[in-house]
């Protein structure tokens, strides 16, 4: 199990008040956590820092745009 006790969760500065947000914890050494902001005690997706960086780069490049 991954220890997220020291995770510092943050939302995007582009978040709004509709409750459709995710939170990211990228302050940990070996893992980047992702969770639903409406359910902070719920499940967390865990990515390697390298995998997270690749996902963010692909998103910025428009890879997932329809």
PDB file of N, CA and C in Angstrom:
ATOM      1  N   UNK A   1       0.837  -1.177   0.000  1.00  0.00           N
ATOM      2  CA  UNK A   1       0.000   0.000   0.000  1.00  0.00           C
ATOM      3  C   UNK A   1       0.890   1.252   0.000  1.00  0.00           C
ATOM      4  N   UNK A   2       0.469   2.260  -0.684  1.00  0.00           N
ATOM      5  CA  UNK A   2       1.223   3.510  -0.793  1.00  0.00           C
ATOM      6  C   UNK A   2       0.875   4.416   0.383  1.00  0.00           C
ATOM      7  N   UNK A   3       1.898   4.983   1.016  1.00  0.00           N
ATOM      8  CA  UNK A   3       1.698   5.879   2.155  1.00  0.00           C
ATOM      9  C   UNK A   3       1.482   7.302   1.648  1.00  0.00           C
ATOM     10  N   UNK A   4       0.273   7.811   1.814  1.00  0.00           N
ATOM     11  CA  UNK A   4      -0.065   9.161   1.377  1.00  0.00           C
ATOM     12  C   UNK A   4      -0.249  10.118   2.560  1.00  0.00           C
ATOM     13  N   UNK A   5       0.254   9.719   3.716  1.00  0.00           N
ATOM     14  CA  UNK A   5       0.079  10.531   4.927  1.00  0.00           C
ATOM     15  C   UNK A   5       0.666  11.934   4.779  1.00  0.00           C
ATOM     16  N   UNK A   6       1.735  12.078   4.035  1.00  0.00           N
ATOM     17  CA  UNK A   6       2.386  13.381   3.857  1.00  0.00           C
ATOM     18  C   UNK A   6       1.954  14.096   2.579  1.00  0.00           C
ATOM     19  N   UNK A   7       0.968  13.544   1.899  1.00  0.00           N
ATOM     20  CA  UNK A   7       0.515  14.143   0.643  1.00  0.00           C
ATOM     21  C   UNK A   7      -0.071  15.531   0.884  1.00  0.00           C
ATOM     22  N   UNK A   8       0.306  16.453   0.043  1.00  0.00           N
ATOM     23  CA  UNK A   8      -0.260  17.806   0.065  1.00  0.00           C
ATOM     24  C   UNK A   8      -1.136  17.945  -1.173  1.00  0.00           C
ATOM     25  N   UNK A   9      -2.434  17.894  -0.963  1.00  0.00           N
ATOM     26  CA  UNK A   9      -3.399  17.887  -2.058  1.00  0.00           C
ATOM     27  C   UNK A   9      -3.697  19.300  -2.517  1.00  0.00           C
ATOM     28  N   UNK A  10      -3.810  19.467  -3.830  1.00  0.00           N
ATOM     29  CA  UNK A  10      -4.141  20.788  -4.381  1.00  0.00           C
ATOM     30  C   UNK A  10      -5.070  20.622  -5.575  1.00  0.00           C
ATOM     31  N   UNK A  11      -5.901  21.627  -5.766  1.00  0.00           N
ATOM     32  CA  UNK A  11      -6.801  21.689  -6.929  1.00  0.00           C
ATOM     33  C   UNK A  11      -6.226  22.675  -7.932  1.00  0.00           C
ATOM     34  N   UNK A  12      -6.625  22.536  -9.149  1.00  0.00           N
ATOM     35  CA  UNK A  12      -6.229  23.469 -10.191  1.00  0.00           C
ATOM     36  C   UNK A  12      -6.732  24.868  -9.867  1.00  0.00           C
ATOM     37  N   UNK A  13      -5.969  25.847 -10.244  1.00  0.00           N
ATOM     38  CA  UNK A  13      -6.417  27.239 -10.073  1.00  0.00           C
ATOM     39  C   UNK A  13      -7.603  27.539 -10.985  1.00  0.00           C
ATOM     40  N   UNK A  14      -7.878  26.666 -11.929  1.00  0.00           N
ATOM     41  CA  UNK A  14      -9.015  26.844 -12.840  1.00  0.00           C
ATOM     42  C   UNK A  14     -10.278  26.156 -12.348  1.00  0.00           C
ATOM     43  N   UNK A  15     -10.210  25.570 -11.168  1.00  0.00           N
ATOM     44  CA  UNK A  15     -11.389  24.906 -10.594  1.00  0.00           C
ATOM     45  C   UNK A  15     -12.470  25.925 -10.315  1.00  0.00           C
ATOM     46  N   UNK A  16     -13.711  25.443 -10.351  1.00  0.00           N
ATOM     47  CA  UNK A  16     -14.835  26.316 -10.018  1.00  0.00           C
ATOM     48  C   UNK A  16     -15.632  25.681  -8.884  1.00  0.00           C
ATOM     49  N   UNK A  17     -16.767  26.220  -8.580  1.00  0.00           N
ATOM     50  CA  UNK A  17     -17.564  25.752  -7.451  1.00  0.00           C
ATOM     51  C   UNK A  17     -18.581  24.681  -7.810  1.00  0.00           C
ATOM     52  N   UNK A  18     -18.457  24.038  -8.951  1.00  0.00           N
ATOM     53  CA  UNK A  18     -19.432  23.030  -9.358  1.00  0.00           C
ATOM     54  C   UNK A  18     -19.142  21.655  -8.769  1.00  0.00           C
ATOM     55  N   UNK A  19     -18.020  21.487  -8.101  1.00  0.00           N
ATOM     56  CA  UNK A  19     -17.698  20.218  -7.458  1.00  0.00           C
ATOM     57  C   UNK A  19     -17.231  19.131  -8.396  1.00  0.00           C
ATOM     58  N   UNK A  20     -16.787  19.502  -9.575  1.00  0.00           N
ATOM     59  CA  UNK A  20     -16.318  18.523 -10.556  1.00  0.00           C
ATOM     60  C   UNK A  20     -14.798  18.576 -10.668  1.00  0.00           C
ATOM     61  N   UNK A  21     -14.131  18.543  -9.541  1.00  0.00           N
ATOM     62  CA  UNK A  21     -12.689  18.757  -9.522  1.00  0.00           C
ATOM     63  C   UNK A  21     -11.941  17.513  -9.063  1.00  0.00           C
ATOM     64  N   UNK A  22     -10.707  17.473  -9.444  1.00  0.00           N
ATOM     65  CA  UNK A  22      -9.782  16.484  -8.925  1.00  0.00           C
ATOM     66  C   UNK A  22      -8.703  17.213  -8.144  1.00  0.00           C
ATOM     67  N   UNK A  23      -8.037  16.481  -7.287  1.00  0.00           N
ATOM     68  CA  UNK A  23      -6.918  17.020  -6.537  1.00  0.00           C
ATOM     69  C   UNK A  23      -5.692  16.165  -6.828  1.00  0.00           C
ATOM     70  N   UNK A  24      -4.543  16.811  -6.883  1.00  0.00           N
ATOM     71  CA  UNK A  24      -3.283  16.144  -7.181  1.00  0.00           C
ATOM     72  C   UNK A  24      -2.340  16.345  -6.005  1.00  0.00           C
ATOM     73  N   UNK A  25      -1.632  15.294  -5.654  1.00  0.00           N
ATOM     74  CA  UNK A  25      -0.559  15.382  -4.660  1.00  0.00           C
ATOM     75  C   UNK A  25       0.734  15.027  -5.384  1.00  0.00           C
ATOM     76  N   UNK A  26       1.537  16.033  -5.685  1.00  0.00           N
ATOM     77  CA  UNK A  26       2.777  15.789  -6.426  1.00  0.00           C
ATOM     78  C   UNK A  26       4.018  16.151  -5.608  1.00  0.00           C
ATOM     79  N   UNK A  27       3.867  16.179  -4.302  1.00  0.00           N
ATOM     80  CA  UNK A  27       4.986  16.507  -3.431  1.00  0.00           C
ATOM     81  C   UNK A  27       5.733  15.280  -2.916  1.00  0.00           C
ATOM     82  N   UNK A  28       5.282  14.107  -3.281  1.00  0.00           N
ATOM     83  CA  UNK A  28       5.904  12.871  -2.808  1.00  0.00           C
ATOM     84  C   UNK A  28       7.004  12.418  -3.770  1.00  0.00           C
ATOM     85  N   UNK A  29       7.946  11.644  -3.276  1.00  0.00           N
ATOM     86  CA  UNK A  29       9.115  11.257  -4.073  1.00  0.00           C
ATOM     87  C   UNK A  29       8.785  10.231  -5.150  1.00  0.00           C
ATOM     88  N   UNK A  30       8.086   9.169  -4.797  1.00  0.00           N
ATOM     89  CA  UNK A  30       7.913   8.044  -5.716  1.00  0.00           C
ATOM     90  C   UNK A  30       6.527   7.898  -6.327  1.00  0.00           C
ATOM     91  N   UNK A  31       5.615   8.809  -6.010  1.00  0.00           N
ATOM     92  CA  UNK A  31       4.249   8.637  -6.478  1.00  0.00           C
ATOM     93  C   UNK A  31       3.561   9.999  -6.616  1.00  0.00           C
ATOM     94  N   UNK A  32       2.656  10.066  -7.577  1.00  0.00           N
ATOM     95  CA  UNK A  32       1.766  11.220  -7.720  1.00  0.00           C
ATOM     96  C   UNK A  32       0.358  10.683  -7.510  1.00  0.00           C
ATOM     97  N   UNK A  33      -0.353  11.288  -6.572  1.00  0.00           N
ATOM     98  CA  UNK A  33      -1.709  10.842  -6.266  1.00  0.00           C
ATOM     99  C   UNK A  33      -2.749  11.715  -6.938  1.00  0.00           C
ATOM    100  N   UNK A  34      -3.872  11.117  -7.261  1.00  0.00           N
ATOM    101  CA  UNK A  34      -4.984  11.820  -7.897  1.00  0.00           C
ATOM    102  C   UNK A  34      -6.266  11.340  -7.227  1.00  0.00           C
ATOM    103  N   UNK A  35      -7.121  12.279  -6.779  1.00  0.00           N
ATOM    104  CA  UNK A  35      -8.369  11.896  -6.117  1.00  0.00           C
ATOM    105  C   UNK A  35      -9.489  12.863  -6.479  1.00  0.00           C
ATOM    106  N   UNK A  36     -10.707  12.432  -6.199  1.00  0.00           N
ATOM    107  CA  UNK A  36     -11.900  13.240  -6.404  1.00  0.00           C
ATOM    108  C   UNK A  36     -12.020  14.205  -5.227  1.00  0.00           C
ATOM    109  N   UNK A  37     -12.111  15.489  -5.494  1.00  0.00           N
ATOM    110  CA  UNK A  37     -12.165  16.478  -4.414  1.00  0.00           C
ATOM    111  C   UNK A  37     -13.428  16.343  -3.560  1.00  0.00           C
ATOM    112  N   UNK A  38     -14.486  15.749  -4.107  1.00  0.00           N
ATOM    113  CA  UNK A  38     -15.724  15.566  -3.346  1.00  0.00           C
ATOM    114  C   UNK A  38     -15.625  14.408  -2.359  1.00  0.00           C
ATOM    115  N   UNK A  39     -14.630  13.549  -2.531  1.00  0.00           N
ATOM    116  CA  UNK A  39     -14.493  12.355  -1.699  1.00  0.00           C
ATOM    117  C   UNK A  39     -13.046  12.202  -1.236  1.00  0.00           C
ATOM    118  N   UNK A  40     -12.579  13.099  -0.375  1.00  0.00           N
ATOM    119  CA  UNK A  40     -11.170  13.075   0.021  1.00  0.00           C
ATOM    120  C   UNK A  40     -10.748  11.817   0.781  1.00  0.00           C
ATOM    121  N   UNK A  41     -11.692  11.078   1.324  1.00  0.00           N
ATOM    122  CA  UNK A  41     -11.364   9.821   2.004  1.00  0.00           C
ATOM    123  C   UNK A  41     -11.511   8.621   1.076  1.00  0.00           C
ATOM    124  N   UNK A  42     -11.909   8.883  -0.167  1.00  0.00           N
ATOM    125  CA  UNK A  42     -12.146   7.812  -1.128  1.00  0.00           C
ATOM    126  C   UNK A  42     -10.874   7.310  -1.782  1.00  0.00           C
ATOM    127  N   UNK A  43     -11.037   6.569  -2.863  1.00  0.00           N
ATOM    128  CA  UNK A  43      -9.894   5.963  -3.531  1.00  0.00           C
ATOM    129  C   UNK A  43      -8.978   7.000  -4.172  1.00  0.00           C
ATOM    130  N   UNK A  44      -7.726   6.609  -4.317  1.00  0.00           N
ATOM    131  CA  UNK A  44      -6.697   7.456  -4.932  1.00  0.00           C
ATOM    132  C   UNK A  44      -6.069   6.683  -6.080  1.00  0.00           C
ATOM    133  N   UNK A  45      -5.941   7.330  -7.220  1.00  0.00           N
ATOM    134  CA  UNK A  45      -5.156   6.758  -8.308  1.00  0.00           C
ATOM    135  C   UNK A  45      -3.708   7.148  -8.074  1.00  0.00           C
ATOM    136  N   UNK A  46      -2.800   6.219  -8.268  1.00  0.00           N
ATOM    137  CA  UNK A  46      -1.381   6.485  -8.043  1.00  0.00           C
ATOM    138  C   UNK A  46      -0.608   6.299  -9.345  1.00  0.00           C
ATOM    139  N   UNK A  47       0.212   7.282  -9.663  1.00  0.00           N
ATOM    140  CA  UNK A  47       1.026   7.266 -10.875  1.00  0.00           C
ATOM    141  C   UNK A  47       2.496   7.396 -10.497  1.00  0.00           C
ATOM    142  N   UNK A  48       3.356   6.860 -11.328  1.00  0.00           N
ATOM    143  CA  UNK A  48       4.775   7.162 -11.156  1.00  0.00           C
ATOM    144  C   UNK A  48       4.972   8.611 -11.588  1.00  0.00           C
ATOM    145  N   UNK A  49       5.951   9.307 -11.046  1.00  0.00           N
ATOM    146  CA  UNK A  49       6.195  10.681 -11.497  1.00  0.00           C
ATOM    147  C   UNK A  49       6.421  10.766 -13.012  1.00  0.00           C
ATOM    148  N   UNK A  50       7.113   9.792 -13.558  1.00  0.00           N
ATOM    149  CA  UNK A  50       7.366   9.775 -15.006  1.00  0.00           C
ATOM    150  C   UNK A  50       6.079   9.579 -15.801  1.00  0.00           C
ATOM    151  N   UNK A  51       5.221   8.662 -15.335  1.00  0.00           N
ATOM    152  CA  UNK A  51       3.937   8.426 -15.991  1.00  0.00           C
ATOM    153  C   UNK A  51       3.039   9.648 -15.915  1.00  0.00           C
ATOM    154  N   UNK A  52       3.038  10.316 -14.759  1.00  0.00           N
ATOM    155  CA  UNK A  52       2.231  11.530 -14.591  1.00  0.00           C
ATOM    156  C   UNK A  52       2.717  12.627 -15.530  1.00  0.00           C
ATOM    157  N   UNK A  53       4.028  12.801 -15.613  1.00  0.00           N
ATOM    158  CA  UNK A  53       4.604  13.829 -16.498  1.00  0.00           C
ATOM    159  C   UNK A  53       4.227  13.558 -17.956  1.00  0.00           C
ATOM    160  N   UNK A  54       4.241  12.279 -18.348  1.00  0.00           N
ATOM    161  CA  UNK A  54       3.867  11.925 -19.718  1.00  0.00           C
ATOM    162  C   UNK A  54       2.391  12.222 -19.968  1.00  0.00           C
ATOM    163  N   UNK A  55       1.530  11.929 -19.000  1.00  0.00           N
ATOM    164  CA  UNK A  55       0.102  12.210 -19.128  1.00  0.00           C
ATOM    165  C   UNK A  55      -0.149  13.712 -19.254  1.00  0.00           C
ATOM    166  N   UNK A  56       0.483  14.504 -18.406  1.00  0.00           N
ATOM    167  CA  UNK A  56       0.310  15.958 -18.451  1.00  0.00           C
ATOM    168  C   UNK A  56       0.798  16.511 -19.789  1.00  0.00           C
ATOM    169  N   UNK A  57       1.951  16.045 -20.262  1.00  0.00           N
ATOM    170  CA  UNK A  57       2.484  16.515 -21.545  1.00  0.00           C
ATOM    171  C   UNK A  57       1.544  16.156 -22.699  1.00  0.00           C
ATOM    172  N   UNK A  58       1.015  14.941 -22.685  1.00  0.00           N
ATOM    173  CA  UNK A  58       0.089  14.520 -23.742  1.00  0.00           C
ATOM    174  C   UNK A  58      -1.201  15.341 -23.692  1.00  0.00           C
ATOM    175  N   UNK A  59      -1.672  15.646 -22.494  1.00  0.00           N
ATOM    176  CA  UNK A  59      -2.878  16.462 -22.347  1.00  0.00           C
ATOM    177  C   UNK A  59      -2.643  17.860 -22.897  1.00  0.00           C
ATOM    178  N   UNK A  60      -1.514  18.459 -22.555  1.00  0.00           N
ATOM    179  CA  UNK A  60      -1.198  19.802 -23.045  1.00  0.00           C
ATOM    180  C   UNK A  60      -1.034  19.820 -24.559  1.00  0.00           C
ATOM    181  N   UNK A  61      -0.560  18.725 -25.131  1.00  0.00           N
ATOM    182  CA  UNK A  61      -0.353  18.627 -26.577  1.00  0.00           C
ATOM    183  C   UNK A  61      -1.654  18.366 -27.336  1.00  0.00           C
ATOM    184  N   UNK A  62      -2.741  18.119 -26.605  1.00  0.00           N
ATOM    185  CA  UNK A  62      -4.033  17.882 -27.256  1.00  0.00           C
ATOM    186  C   UNK A  62      -4.283  16.452 -27.661  1.00  0.00           C
ATOM    187  N   UNK A  63      -3.477  15.534 -27.175  1.00  0.00           N
ATOM    188  CA  UNK A  63      -3.591  14.129 -27.545  1.00  0.00           C
ATOM    189  C   UNK A  63      -4.985  13.565 -27.250  1.00  0.00           C
ATOM    190  N   UNK A  64      -5.624  14.024 -26.205  1.00  0.00           N
ATOM    191  CA  UNK A  64      -6.913  13.473 -25.798  1.00  0.00           C
ATOM    192  C   UNK A  64      -8.103  14.322 -26.248  1.00  0.00           C
ATOM    193  N   UNK A  65      -7.847  15.392 -27.006  1.00  0.00           N
ATOM    194  CA  UNK A  65      -8.934  16.231 -27.500  1.00  0.00           C
ATOM    195  C   UNK A  65      -9.767  15.464 -28.516  1.00  0.00           C
ATOM    196  N   UNK A  66     -11.029  15.738 -28.514  1.00  0.00           N
ATOM    197  CA  UNK A  66     -11.916  15.092 -29.501  1.00  0.00           C
ATOM    198  C   UNK A  66     -12.052  15.958 -30.700  1.00  0.00           C
TER     199      UNK A  66
END
